[in-house]
């Protein structure tokens, strides 16, 4: 029996829009905990979702399965090639209109 269990997850690339203040704080929090901005967003959302009791009840309802997706997910290449690492901005926050983030999904 192996001593370690490695859980493989599939990551999706998606674009989200953040205010300048929020984007700066994501970068600052990432520096504070020595993590990437993607990990901060992923863990913050997972934390909120797990703590929101009303949301947990909503997930049990049929309405949760009938949502209209609004997250702009970038589709991967059809050959399932690994995604190249994202380029990091030289200093601070990216000045583009959209700030990229990664949202993890379960492996199908």
PDB file of N, CA and C in Angstrom:
ATOM      1  N   UNK A   1       0.851  -1.179   0.000  1.00  0.00           N
ATOM      2  CA  UNK A   1       0.000   0.000   0.000  1.00  0.00           C
ATOM      3  C   UNK A   1       0.897   1.243   0.000  1.00  0.00           C
ATOM      4  N   UNK A   2       0.619   2.197  -0.899  1.00  0.00           N
ATOM      5  CA  UNK A   2       1.460   3.396  -0.954  1.00  0.00           C
ATOM      6  C   UNK A   2       1.310   4.265   0.286  1.00  0.00           C
ATOM      7  N   UNK A   3       2.372   4.940   0.648  1.00  0.00           N
ATOM      8  CA  UNK A   3       2.332   5.840   1.794  1.00  0.00           C
ATOM      9  C   UNK A   3       1.700   7.180   1.454  1.00  0.00           C
ATOM     10  N   UNK A   4       1.742   7.552   0.187  1.00  0.00           N
ATOM     11  CA  UNK A   4       1.173   8.826  -0.250  1.00  0.00           C
ATOM     12  C   UNK A   4       0.015   8.584  -1.215  1.00  0.00           C
ATOM     13  N   UNK A   5      -0.973   9.421  -1.111  1.00  0.00           N
ATOM     14  CA  UNK A   5      -2.069   9.397  -2.069  1.00  0.00           C
ATOM     15  C   UNK A   5      -2.049  10.726  -2.816  1.00  0.00           C
ATOM     16  N   UNK A   6      -1.846  10.653  -4.122  1.00  0.00           N
ATOM     17  CA  UNK A   6      -1.792  11.851  -4.940  1.00  0.00           C
ATOM     18  C   UNK A   6      -3.146  12.025  -5.621  1.00  0.00           C
ATOM     19  N   UNK A   7      -3.773  13.155  -5.354  1.00  0.00           N
ATOM     20  CA  UNK A   7      -5.059  13.457  -5.957  1.00  0.00           C
ATOM     21  C   UNK A   7      -4.797  14.330  -7.172  1.00  0.00           C
ATOM     22  N   UNK A   8      -5.178  13.818  -8.340  1.00  0.00           N
ATOM     23  CA  UNK A   8      -4.978  14.582  -9.562  1.00  0.00           C
ATOM     24  C   UNK A   8      -6.233  15.391  -9.843  1.00  0.00           C
ATOM     25  N   UNK A   9      -6.042  16.672 -10.113  1.00  0.00           N
ATOM     26  CA  UNK A   9      -7.165  17.532 -10.468  1.00  0.00           C
ATOM     27  C   UNK A   9      -6.897  18.151 -11.820  1.00  0.00           C
ATOM     28  N   UNK A  10      -7.956  18.427 -12.514  1.00  0.00           N
ATOM     29  CA  UNK A  10      -7.851  19.081 -13.817  1.00  0.00           C
ATOM     30  C   UNK A  10      -8.130  20.554 -13.610  1.00  0.00           C
ATOM     31  N   UNK A  11      -7.236  21.390 -14.079  1.00  0.00           N
ATOM     32  CA  UNK A  11      -7.406  22.824 -13.957  1.00  0.00           C
ATOM     33  C   UNK A  11      -7.918  23.390 -15.274  1.00  0.00           C
ATOM     34  N   UNK A  12      -8.833  24.325 -15.177  1.00  0.00           N
ATOM     35  CA  UNK A  12      -9.358  25.038 -16.331  1.00  0.00           C
ATOM     36  C   UNK A  12      -8.858  26.464 -16.290  1.00  0.00           C
ATOM     37  N   UNK A  13      -8.646  27.044 -17.439  1.00  0.00           N
ATOM     38  CA  UNK A  13      -8.295  28.464 -17.497  1.00  0.00           C
ATOM     39  C   UNK A  13      -9.557  29.248 -17.781  1.00  0.00           C
ATOM     40  N   UNK A  14      -9.754  30.308 -17.015  1.00  0.00           N
ATOM     41  CA  UNK A  14     -10.936  31.150 -17.191  1.00  0.00           C
ATOM     42  C   UNK A  14     -10.543  32.596 -16.962  1.00  0.00           C
ATOM     43  N   UNK A  15     -11.284  33.483 -17.582  1.00  0.00           N
ATOM     44  CA  UNK A  15     -11.038  34.912 -17.401  1.00  0.00           C
ATOM     45  C   UNK A  15     -12.098  35.494 -16.486  1.00  0.00           C
ATOM     46  N   UNK A  16     -11.648  36.313 -15.545  1.00  0.00           N
ATOM     47  CA  UNK A  16     -12.567  37.021 -14.661  1.00  0.00           C
ATOM     48  C   UNK A  16     -12.148  38.478 -14.632  1.00  0.00           C
ATOM     49  N   UNK A  17     -13.078  39.332 -14.272  1.00  0.00           N
ATOM     50  CA  UNK A  17     -12.761  40.756 -14.130  1.00  0.00           C
ATOM     51  C   UNK A  17     -12.776  41.094 -12.656  1.00  0.00           C
ATOM     52  N   UNK A  18     -11.746  41.830 -12.221  1.00  0.00           N
ATOM     53  CA  UNK A  18     -11.624  42.269 -10.835  1.00  0.00           C
ATOM     54  C   UNK A  18     -11.395  43.771 -10.823  1.00  0.00           C
ATOM     55  N   UNK A  19     -11.787  44.406  -9.739  1.00  0.00           N
ATOM     56  CA  UNK A  19     -11.429  45.814  -9.588  1.00  0.00           C
ATOM     57  C   UNK A  19      -9.925  45.903  -9.351  1.00  0.00           C
ATOM     58  N   UNK A  20      -9.366  47.070  -9.590  1.00  0.00           N
ATOM     59  CA  UNK A  20      -7.935  47.268  -9.349  1.00  0.00           C
ATOM     60  C   UNK A  20      -7.566  46.934  -7.909  1.00  0.00           C
ATOM     61  N   UNK A  21      -8.405  47.367  -6.977  1.00  0.00           N
ATOM     62  CA  UNK A  21      -8.142  47.143  -5.555  1.00  0.00           C
ATOM     63  C   UNK A  21      -8.122  45.655  -5.229  1.00  0.00           C
ATOM     64  N   UNK A  22      -9.109  44.921  -5.736  1.00  0.00           N
ATOM     65  CA  UNK A  22      -9.174  43.485  -5.459  1.00  0.00           C
ATOM     66  C   UNK A  22      -7.995  42.758  -6.093  1.00  0.00           C
ATOM     67  N   UNK A  23      -7.648  43.107  -7.324  1.00  0.00           N
ATOM     68  CA  UNK A  23      -6.517  42.467  -7.998  1.00  0.00           C
ATOM     69  C   UNK A  23      -5.220  42.714  -7.228  1.00  0.00           C
ATOM     70  N   UNK A  24      -5.044  43.913  -6.754  1.00  0.00           N
ATOM     71  CA  UNK A  24      -3.852  44.237  -5.957  1.00  0.00           C
ATOM     72  C   UNK A  24      -3.836  43.418  -4.670  1.00  0.00           C
ATOM     73  N   UNK A  25      -4.983  43.318  -4.015  1.00  0.00           N
ATOM     74  CA  UNK A  25      -5.040  42.551  -2.766  1.00  0.00           C
ATOM     75  C   UNK A  25      -4.821  41.061  -2.998  1.00  0.00           C
ATOM     76  N   UNK A  26      -5.267  40.528  -4.125  1.00  0.00           N
ATOM     77  CA  UNK A  26      -4.992  39.122  -4.450  1.00  0.00           C
ATOM     78  C   UNK A  26      -3.479  38.931  -4.568  1.00  0.00           C
ATOM     79  N   UNK A  27      -2.814  39.828  -5.291  1.00  0.00           N
ATOM     80  CA  UNK A  27      -1.358  39.744  -5.414  1.00  0.00           C
ATOM     81  C   UNK A  27      -0.666  39.901  -4.060  1.00  0.00           C
ATOM     82  N   UNK A  28      -1.153  40.822  -3.250  1.00  0.00           N
ATOM     83  CA  UNK A  28      -0.550  41.035  -1.932  1.00  0.00           C
ATOM     84  C   UNK A  28      -0.759  39.817  -1.034  1.00  0.00           C
ATOM     85  N   UNK A  29      -1.947  39.235  -1.066  1.00  0.00           N
ATOM     86  CA  UNK A  29      -2.214  38.060  -0.237  1.00  0.00           C
ATOM     87  C   UNK A  29      -1.374  36.876  -0.709  1.00  0.00           C
ATOM     88  N   UNK A  30      -1.213  36.755  -2.023  1.00  0.00           N
ATOM     89  CA  UNK A  30      -0.379  35.688  -2.571  1.00  0.00           C
ATOM     90  C   UNK A  30       1.060  35.831  -2.072  1.00  0.00           C
ATOM     91  N   UNK A  31       1.572  37.058  -2.073  1.00  0.00           N
ATOM     92  CA  UNK A  31       2.921  37.290  -1.556  1.00  0.00           C
ATOM     93  C   UNK A  31       2.981  36.980  -0.063  1.00  0.00           C
ATOM     94  N   UNK A  32       1.950  37.361   0.657  1.00  0.00           N
ATOM     95  CA  UNK A  32       1.875  37.153   2.108  1.00  0.00           C
ATOM     96  C   UNK A  32       1.948  35.671   2.469  1.00  0.00           C
ATOM     97  N   UNK A  33       1.267  34.812   1.690  1.00  0.00           N
ATOM     98  CA  UNK A  33       1.246  33.377   2.012  1.00  0.00           C
ATOM     99  C   UNK A  33       2.192  32.564   1.123  1.00  0.00           C
ATOM    100  N   UNK A  34       3.004  33.258   0.305  1.00  0.00           N
ATOM    101  CA  UNK A  34       3.969  32.598  -0.577  1.00  0.00           C
ATOM    102  C   UNK A  34       3.274  31.598  -1.502  1.00  0.00           C
ATOM    103  N   UNK A  35       2.268  32.085  -2.206  1.00  0.00           N
ATOM    104  CA  UNK A  35       1.500  31.263  -3.126  1.00  0.00           C
ATOM    105  C   UNK A  35       1.260  32.058  -4.408  1.00  0.00           C
ATOM    106  N   UNK A  36       0.622  31.427  -5.360  1.00  0.00           N
ATOM    107  CA  UNK A  36       0.291  32.138  -6.595  1.00  0.00           C
ATOM    108  C   UNK A  36      -1.079  32.802  -6.447  1.00  0.00           C
ATOM    109  N   UNK A  37      -1.334  33.777  -7.304  1.00  0.00           N
ATOM    110  CA  UNK A  37      -2.647  34.431  -7.310  1.00  0.00           C
ATOM    111  C   UNK A  37      -3.733  33.416  -7.628  1.00  0.00           C
ATOM    112  N   UNK A  38      -3.450  32.474  -8.503  1.00  0.00           N
ATOM    113  CA  UNK A  38      -4.421  31.431  -8.837  1.00  0.00           C
ATOM    114  C   UNK A  38      -4.814  30.627  -7.595  1.00  0.00           C
ATOM    115  N   UNK A  39      -3.813  30.283  -6.788  1.00  0.00           N
ATOM    116  CA  UNK A  39      -4.095  29.508  -5.571  1.00  0.00           C
ATOM    117  C   UNK A  39      -4.915  30.319  -4.574  1.00  0.00           C
ATOM    118  N   UNK A  40      -4.646  31.610  -4.480  1.00  0.00           N
ATOM    119  CA  UNK A  40      -5.414  32.472  -3.572  1.00  0.00           C
ATOM    120  C   UNK A  40      -6.874  32.496  -3.994  1.00  0.00           C
ATOM    121  N   UNK A  41      -7.125  32.723  -5.274  1.00  0.00           N
ATOM    122  CA  UNK A  41      -8.506  32.775  -5.767  1.00  0.00           C
ATOM    123  C   UNK A  41      -9.189  31.424  -5.569  1.00  0.00           C
ATOM    124  N   UNK A  42      -8.516  30.345  -5.925  1.00  0.00           N
ATOM    125  CA  UNK A  42      -9.076  28.994  -5.775  1.00  0.00           C
ATOM    126  C   UNK A  42      -9.460  28.708  -4.324  1.00  0.00           C
ATOM    127  N   UNK A  43      -8.531  28.953  -3.403  1.00  0.00           N
ATOM    128  CA  UNK A  43      -8.772  28.636  -1.998  1.00  0.00           C
ATOM    129  C   UNK A  43      -9.801  29.577  -1.365  1.00  0.00           C
ATOM    130  N   UNK A  44      -9.780  30.841  -1.751  1.00  0.00           N
ATOM    131  CA  UNK A  44     -10.758  31.790  -1.205  1.00  0.00           C
ATOM    132  C   UNK A  44     -12.172  31.404  -1.621  1.00  0.00           C
ATOM    133  N   UNK A  45     -12.341  31.045  -2.885  1.00  0.00           N
ATOM    134  CA  UNK A  45     -13.667  30.637  -3.347  1.00  0.00           C
ATOM    135  C   UNK A  45     -14.103  29.336  -2.690  1.00  0.00           C
ATOM    136  N   UNK A  46     -13.209  28.364  -2.590  1.00  0.00           N
ATOM    137  CA  UNK A  46     -13.548  27.095  -1.941  1.00  0.00           C
ATOM    138  C   UNK A  46     -13.970  27.339  -0.490  1.00  0.00           C
ATOM    139  N   UNK A  47     -13.278  28.243   0.186  1.00  0.00           N
ATOM    140  CA  UNK A  47     -13.609  28.572   1.582  1.00  0.00           C
ATOM    141  C   UNK A  47     -15.005  29.190   1.683  1.00  0.00           C
ATOM    142  N   UNK A  48     -15.277  30.176   0.842  1.00  0.00           N
ATOM    143  CA  UNK A  48     -16.593  30.841   0.877  1.00  0.00           C
ATOM    144  C   UNK A  48     -17.695  29.845   0.556  1.00  0.00           C
ATOM    145  N   UNK A  49     -17.495  29.039  -0.484  1.00  0.00           N
ATOM    146  CA  UNK A  49     -18.525  28.068  -0.871  1.00  0.00           C
ATOM    147  C   UNK A  49     -18.813  27.085   0.259  1.00  0.00           C
ATOM    148  N   UNK A  50     -17.761  26.641   0.955  1.00  0.00           N
ATOM    149  CA  UNK A  50     -17.961  25.657   2.025  1.00  0.00           C
ATOM    150  C   UNK A  50     -18.613  26.261   3.264  1.00  0.00           C
ATOM    151  N   UNK A  51     -18.425  27.549   3.507  1.00  0.00           N
ATOM    152  CA  UNK A  51     -18.952  28.191   4.709  1.00  0.00           C
ATOM    153  C   UNK A  51     -20.355  28.770   4.536  1.00  0.00           C
ATOM    154  N   UNK A  52     -20.801  28.962   3.313  1.00  0.00           N
ATOM    155  CA  UNK A  52     -22.104  29.584   3.057  1.00  0.00           C
ATOM    156  C   UNK A  52     -23.200  28.519   3.130  1.00  0.00           C
ATOM    157  N   UNK A  53     -23.923  28.485   4.235  1.00  0.00           N
ATOM    158  CA  UNK A  53     -24.951  27.463   4.452  1.00  0.00           C
ATOM    159  C   UNK A  53     -26.085  27.561   3.446  1.00  0.00           C
ATOM    160  N   UNK A  54     -26.496  28.786   3.109  1.00  0.00           N
ATOM    161  CA  UNK A  54     -27.556  28.941   2.120  1.00  0.00           C
ATOM    162  C   UNK A  54     -27.119  28.401   0.757  1.00  0.00           C
ATOM    163  N   UNK A  55     -25.876  28.638   0.393  1.00  0.00           N
ATOM    164  CA  UNK A  55     -25.364  28.116  -0.872  1.00  0.00           C
ATOM    165  C   UNK A  55     -25.325  26.591  -0.843  1.00  0.00           C
ATOM    166  N   UNK A  56     -24.920  26.009   0.272  1.00  0.00           N
ATOM    167  CA  UNK A  56     -24.887  24.552   0.382  1.00  0.00           C
ATOM    168  C   UNK A  56     -26.287  23.957   0.212  1.00  0.00           C
ATOM    169  N   UNK A  57     -27.295  24.625   0.741  1.00  0.00           N
ATOM    170  CA  UNK A  57     -28.680  24.176   0.549  1.00  0.00           C
ATOM    171  C   UNK A  57     -29.093  24.331  -0.910  1.00  0.00           C
ATOM    172  N   UNK A  58     -28.713  25.432  -1.532  1.00  0.00           N
ATOM    173  CA  UNK A  58     -29.015  25.655  -2.944  1.00  0.00           C
ATOM    174  C   UNK A  58     -28.430  24.538  -3.801  1.00  0.00           C
ATOM    175  N   UNK A  59     -27.208  24.094  -3.481  1.00  0.00           N
ATOM    176  CA  UNK A  59     -26.566  23.034  -4.256  1.00  0.00           C
ATOM    177  C   UNK A  59     -27.352  21.734  -4.234  1.00  0.00           C
ATOM    178  N   UNK A  60     -28.139  21.539  -3.212  1.00  0.00           N
ATOM    179  CA  UNK A  60     -28.956  20.329  -3.096  1.00  0.00           C
ATOM    180  C   UNK A  60     -30.251  20.424  -3.901  1.00  0.00           C
ATOM    181  N   UNK A  61     -30.584  21.605  -4.363  1.00  0.00           N
ATOM    182  CA  UNK A  61     -31.838  21.818  -5.087  1.00  0.00           C
ATOM    183  C   UNK A  61     -31.660  21.540  -6.576  1.00  0.00           C
ATOM    184  N   UNK A  62     -32.758  21.237  -7.262  1.00  0.00           N
ATOM    185  CA  UNK A  62     -32.695  21.039  -8.715  1.00  0.00           C
ATOM    186  C   UNK A  62     -32.249  22.302  -9.463  1.00  0.00           C
ATOM    187  N   UNK A  63     -32.504  23.474  -8.886  1.00  0.00           N
ATOM    188  CA  UNK A  63     -32.113  24.726  -9.538  1.00  0.00           C
ATOM    189  C   UNK A  63     -30.606  24.824  -9.725  1.00  0.00           C
ATOM    190  N   UNK A  64     -29.840  24.206  -8.857  1.00  0.00           N
ATOM    191  CA  UNK A  64     -28.385  24.269  -8.959  1.00  0.00           C
ATOM    192  C   UNK A  64     -27.881  23.587 -10.229  1.00  0.00           C
ATOM    193  N   UNK A  65     -28.643  22.641 -10.736  1.00  0.00           N
ATOM    194  CA  UNK A  65     -28.238  21.941 -11.956  1.00  0.00           C
ATOM    195  C   UNK A  65     -28.707  22.657 -13.215  1.00  0.00           C
ATOM    196  N   UNK A  66     -29.550  23.661 -13.059  1.00  0.00           N
ATOM    197  CA  UNK A  66     -30.118  24.365 -14.218  1.00  0.00           C
ATOM    198  C   UNK A  66     -29.607  25.799 -14.332  1.00  0.00           C
ATOM    199  N   UNK A  67     -28.388  26.016 -14.003  1.00  0.00           N
ATOM    200  CA  UNK A  67     -27.822  27.370 -14.066  1.00  0.00           C
ATOM    201  C   UNK A  67     -27.350  27.681 -15.487  1.00  0.00           C
ATOM    202  N   UNK A  68     -27.261  28.946 -15.795  1.00  0.00           N
ATOM    203  CA  UNK A  68     -26.688  29.390 -17.059  1.00  0.00           C
ATOM    204  C   UNK A  68     -25.240  29.782 -16.788  1.00  0.00           C
ATOM    205  N   UNK A  69     -24.288  29.047 -17.351  1.00  0.00           N
ATOM    206  CA  UNK A  69     -22.878  29.362 -17.091  1.00  0.00           C
ATOM    207  C   UNK A  69     -22.524  30.775 -17.560  1.00  0.00           C
ATOM    208  N   UNK A  70     -21.805  31.509 -16.717  1.00  0.00           N
ATOM    209  CA  UNK A  70     -21.351  32.851 -17.072  1.00  0.00           C
ATOM    210  C   UNK A  70     -19.831  32.983 -17.008  1.00  0.00           C
ATOM    211  N   UNK A  71     -19.143  32.001 -16.450  1.00  0.00           N
ATOM    212  CA  UNK A  71     -17.686  32.033 -16.378  1.00  0.00           C
ATOM    213  C   UNK A  71     -17.115  31.795 -17.768  1.00  0.00           C
ATOM    214  N   UNK A  72     -16.197  32.643 -18.181  1.00  0.00           N
ATOM    215  CA  UNK A  72     -15.592  32.540 -19.512  1.00  0.00           C
ATOM    216  C   UNK A  72     -14.420  31.553 -19.443  1.00  0.00           C
ATOM    217  N   UNK A  73     -14.703  30.287 -19.733  1.00  0.00           N
ATOM    218  CA  UNK A  73     -13.698  29.237 -19.676  1.00  0.00           C
ATOM    219  C   UNK A  73     -13.025  29.138 -21.035  1.00  0.00           C
ATOM    220  N   UNK A  74     -11.697  29.117 -21.020  1.00  0.00           N
ATOM    221  CA  UNK A  74     -10.944  28.928 -22.252  1.00  0.00           C
ATOM    222  C   UNK A  74     -10.816  27.435 -22.490  1.00  0.00           C
ATOM    223  N   UNK A  75     -11.259  27.004 -23.648  1.00  0.00           N
ATOM    224  CA  UNK A  75     -11.237  25.577 -23.986  1.00  0.00           C
ATOM    225  C   UNK A  75      -9.812  25.129 -24.294  1.00  0.00           C
ATOM    226  N   UNK A  76      -9.459  23.947 -23.785  1.00  0.00           N
ATOM    227  CA  UNK A  76      -8.129  23.379 -24.020  1.00  0.00           C
ATOM    228  C   UNK A  76      -8.072  22.801 -25.423  1.00  0.00           C
ATOM    229  N   UNK A  77      -6.862  22.579 -25.903  1.00  0.00           N
ATOM    230  CA  UNK A  77      -6.668  21.954 -27.205  1.00  0.00           C
ATOM    231  C   UNK A  77      -7.251  20.547 -27.183  1.00  0.00           C
ATOM    232  N   UNK A  78      -7.686  20.073 -28.332  1.00  0.00           N
ATOM    233  CA  UNK A  78      -8.347  18.770 -28.409  1.00  0.00           C
ATOM    234  C   UNK A  78      -7.418  17.612 -28.121  1.00  0.00           C
ATOM    235  N   UNK A  79      -6.093  17.813 -28.199  1.00  0.00           N
ATOM    236  CA  UNK A  79      -5.164  16.718 -27.932  1.00  0.00           C
ATOM    237  C   UNK A  79      -4.811  16.611 -26.449  1.00  0.00           C
ATOM    238  N   UNK A  80      -5.491  17.376 -25.592  1.00  0.00           N
ATOM    239  CA  UNK A  80      -5.271  17.355 -24.142  1.00  0.00           C
ATOM    240  C   UNK A  80      -3.815  17.636 -23.779  1.00  0.00           C
ATOM    241  N   UNK A  81      -3.150  18.461 -24.562  1.00  0.00           N
ATOM    242  CA  UNK A  81      -1.766  18.828 -24.260  1.00  0.00           C
ATOM    243  C   UNK A  81      -1.733  19.665 -22.990  1.00  0.00           C
ATOM    244  N   UNK A  82      -0.643  19.567 -22.283  1.00  0.00           N
ATOM    245  CA  UNK A  82      -0.502  20.350 -21.052  1.00  0.00           C
ATOM    246  C   UNK A  82      -0.452  21.830 -21.394  1.00  0.00           C
ATOM    247  N   UNK A  83      -1.057  22.637 -20.545  1.00  0.00           N
ATOM    248  CA  UNK A  83      -1.095  24.077 -20.741  1.00  0.00           C
ATOM    249  C   UNK A  83       0.259  24.677 -20.393  1.00  0.00           C
ATOM    250  N   UNK A  84       0.787  25.586 -21.232  1.00  0.00           N
ATOM    251  CA  UNK A  84       2.052  26.224 -20.861  1.00  0.00           C
ATOM    252  C   UNK A  84       1.848  27.111 -19.650  1.00  0.00           C
ATOM    253  N   UNK A  85       2.884  27.325 -18.846  1.00  0.00           N
ATOM    254  CA  UNK A  85       2.727  28.172 -17.669  1.00  0.00           C
ATOM    255  C   UNK A  85       2.355  29.596 -18.075  1.00  0.00           C
ATOM    256  N   UNK A  86       1.498  30.199 -17.278  1.00  0.00           N
ATOM    257  CA  UNK A  86       1.052  31.566 -17.554  1.00  0.00           C
ATOM    258  C   UNK A  86       2.198  32.536 -17.309  1.00  0.00           C
ATOM    259  N   UNK A  87       2.270  33.585 -18.127  1.00  0.00           N
ATOM    260  CA  UNK A  87       3.287  34.607 -17.932  1.00  0.00           C
ATOM    261  C   UNK A  87       2.889  35.477 -16.763  1.00  0.00           C
ATOM    262  N   UNK A  88       3.852  35.814 -15.930  1.00  0.00           N
ATOM    263  CA  UNK A  88       3.589  36.669 -14.779  1.00  0.00           C
ATOM    264  C   UNK A  88       3.905  38.109 -15.161  1.00  0.00           C
ATOM    265  N   UNK A  89       3.124  39.056 -14.629  1.00  0.00           N
ATOM    266  CA  UNK A  89       3.437  40.450 -14.909  1.00  0.00           C
ATOM    267  C   UNK A  89       4.771  40.831 -14.273  1.00  0.00           C
ATOM    268  N   UNK A  90       5.462  41.777 -14.891  1.00  0.00           N
ATOM    269  CA  UNK A  90       6.769  42.191 -14.390  1.00  0.00           C
ATOM    270  C   UNK A  90       6.657  42.766 -12.983  1.00  0.00           C
ATOM    271  N   UNK A  91       5.681  43.643 -12.756  1.00  0.00           N
ATOM    272  CA  UNK A  91       5.504  44.265 -11.448  1.00  0.00           C
ATOM    273  C   UNK A  91       4.020  44.365 -11.158  1.00  0.00           C
ATOM    274  N   UNK A  92       3.588  43.898  -9.982  1.00  0.00           N
ATOM    275  CA  UNK A  92       2.230  44.139  -9.490  1.00  0.00           C
ATOM    276  C   UNK A  92       1.125  43.540 -10.324  1.00  0.00           C
ATOM    277  N   UNK A  93       0.127  44.348 -10.592  1.00  0.00           N
ATOM    278  CA  UNK A  93      -1.121  43.921 -11.198  1.00  0.00           C
ATOM    279  C   UNK A  93      -1.063  44.114 -12.701  1.00  0.00           C
ATOM    280  N   UNK A  94      -1.663  43.182 -13.432  1.00  0.00           N
ATOM    281  CA  UNK A  94      -1.752  43.341 -14.875  1.00  0.00           C
ATOM    282  C   UNK A  94      -2.656  44.519 -15.190  1.00  0.00           C
ATOM    283  N   UNK A  95      -2.325  45.246 -16.228  1.00  0.00           N
ATOM    284  CA  UNK A  95      -3.109  46.425 -16.567  1.00  0.00           C
ATOM    285  C   UNK A  95      -4.131  46.152 -17.647  1.00  0.00           C
ATOM    286  N   UNK A  96      -4.427  44.885 -17.904  1.00  0.00           N
ATOM    287  CA  UNK A  96      -5.427  44.555 -18.909  1.00  0.00           C
ATOM    288  C   UNK A  96      -6.819  44.653 -18.305  1.00  0.00           C
ATOM    289  N   UNK A  97      -7.815  44.616 -19.172  1.00  0.00           N
ATOM    290  CA  UNK A  97      -9.202  44.718 -18.711  1.00  0.00           C
ATOM    291  C   UNK A  97      -9.598  43.464 -17.964  1.00  0.00           C
ATOM    292  N   UNK A  98      -9.109  42.302 -18.411  1.00  0.00           N
ATOM    293  CA  UNK A  98      -9.450  41.055 -17.762  1.00  0.00           C
ATOM    294  C   UNK A  98      -8.224  40.495 -17.065  1.00  0.00           C
ATOM    295  N   UNK A  99      -8.397  39.994 -15.859  1.00  0.00           N
ATOM    296  CA  UNK A  99      -7.325  39.375 -15.104  1.00  0.00           C
ATOM    297  C   UNK A  99      -7.526  37.875 -15.143  1.00  0.00           C
ATOM    298  N   UNK A 100      -6.568  37.103 -15.683  1.00  0.00           N
ATOM    299  CA  UNK A 100      -6.769  35.661 -15.761  1.00  0.00           C
ATOM    300  C   UNK A 100      -6.715  35.014 -14.385  1.00  0.00           C
ATOM    301  N   UNK A 101      -7.486  33.959 -14.241  1.00  0.00           N
ATOM    302  CA  UNK A 101      -7.485  33.172 -13.011  1.00  0.00           C
ATOM    303  C   UNK A 101      -7.748  31.735 -13.386  1.00  0.00           C
ATOM    304  N   UNK A 102      -7.352  30.827 -12.562  1.00  0.00           N
ATOM    305  CA  UNK A 102      -7.600  29.425 -12.810  1.00  0.00           C
ATOM    306  C   UNK A 102      -8.611  28.939 -11.797  1.00  0.00           C
ATOM    307  N   UNK A 103      -9.584  28.207 -12.290  1.00  0.00           N
ATOM    308  CA  UNK A 103     -10.594  27.632 -11.429  1.00  0.00           C
ATOM    309  C   UNK A 103     -10.509  26.134 -11.609  1.00  0.00           C
ATOM    310  N   UNK A 104     -10.330  25.402 -10.543  1.00  0.00           N
ATOM    311  CA  UNK A 104     -10.146  23.966 -10.633  1.00  0.00           C
ATOM    312  C   UNK A 104     -11.478  23.276 -10.800  1.00  0.00           C
ATOM    313  N   UNK A 105     -11.475  22.229 -11.562  1.00  0.00           N
ATOM    314  CA  UNK A 105     -12.647  21.364 -11.735  1.00  0.00           C
ATOM    315  C   UNK A 105     -12.256  19.968 -11.359  1.00  0.00           C
ATOM    316  N   UNK A 106     -13.188  19.079 -11.251  1.00  0.00           N
ATOM    317  CA  UNK A 106     -12.871  17.704 -10.909  1.00  0.00           C
ATOM    318  C   UNK A 106     -12.479  16.959 -12.161  1.00  0.00           C
ATOM    319  N   UNK A 107     -11.668  15.949 -12.005  1.00  0.00           N
ATOM    320  CA  UNK A 107     -11.220  15.163 -13.149  1.00  0.00           C
ATOM    321  C   UNK A 107     -12.369  14.309 -13.627  1.00  0.00           C
ATOM    322  N   UNK A 108     -12.624  14.361 -14.916  1.00  0.00           N
ATOM    323  CA  UNK A 108     -13.742  13.613 -15.484  1.00  0.00           C
ATOM    324  C   UNK A 108     -13.369  12.193 -15.744  1.00  0.00           C
TER     325      UNK A 108
END
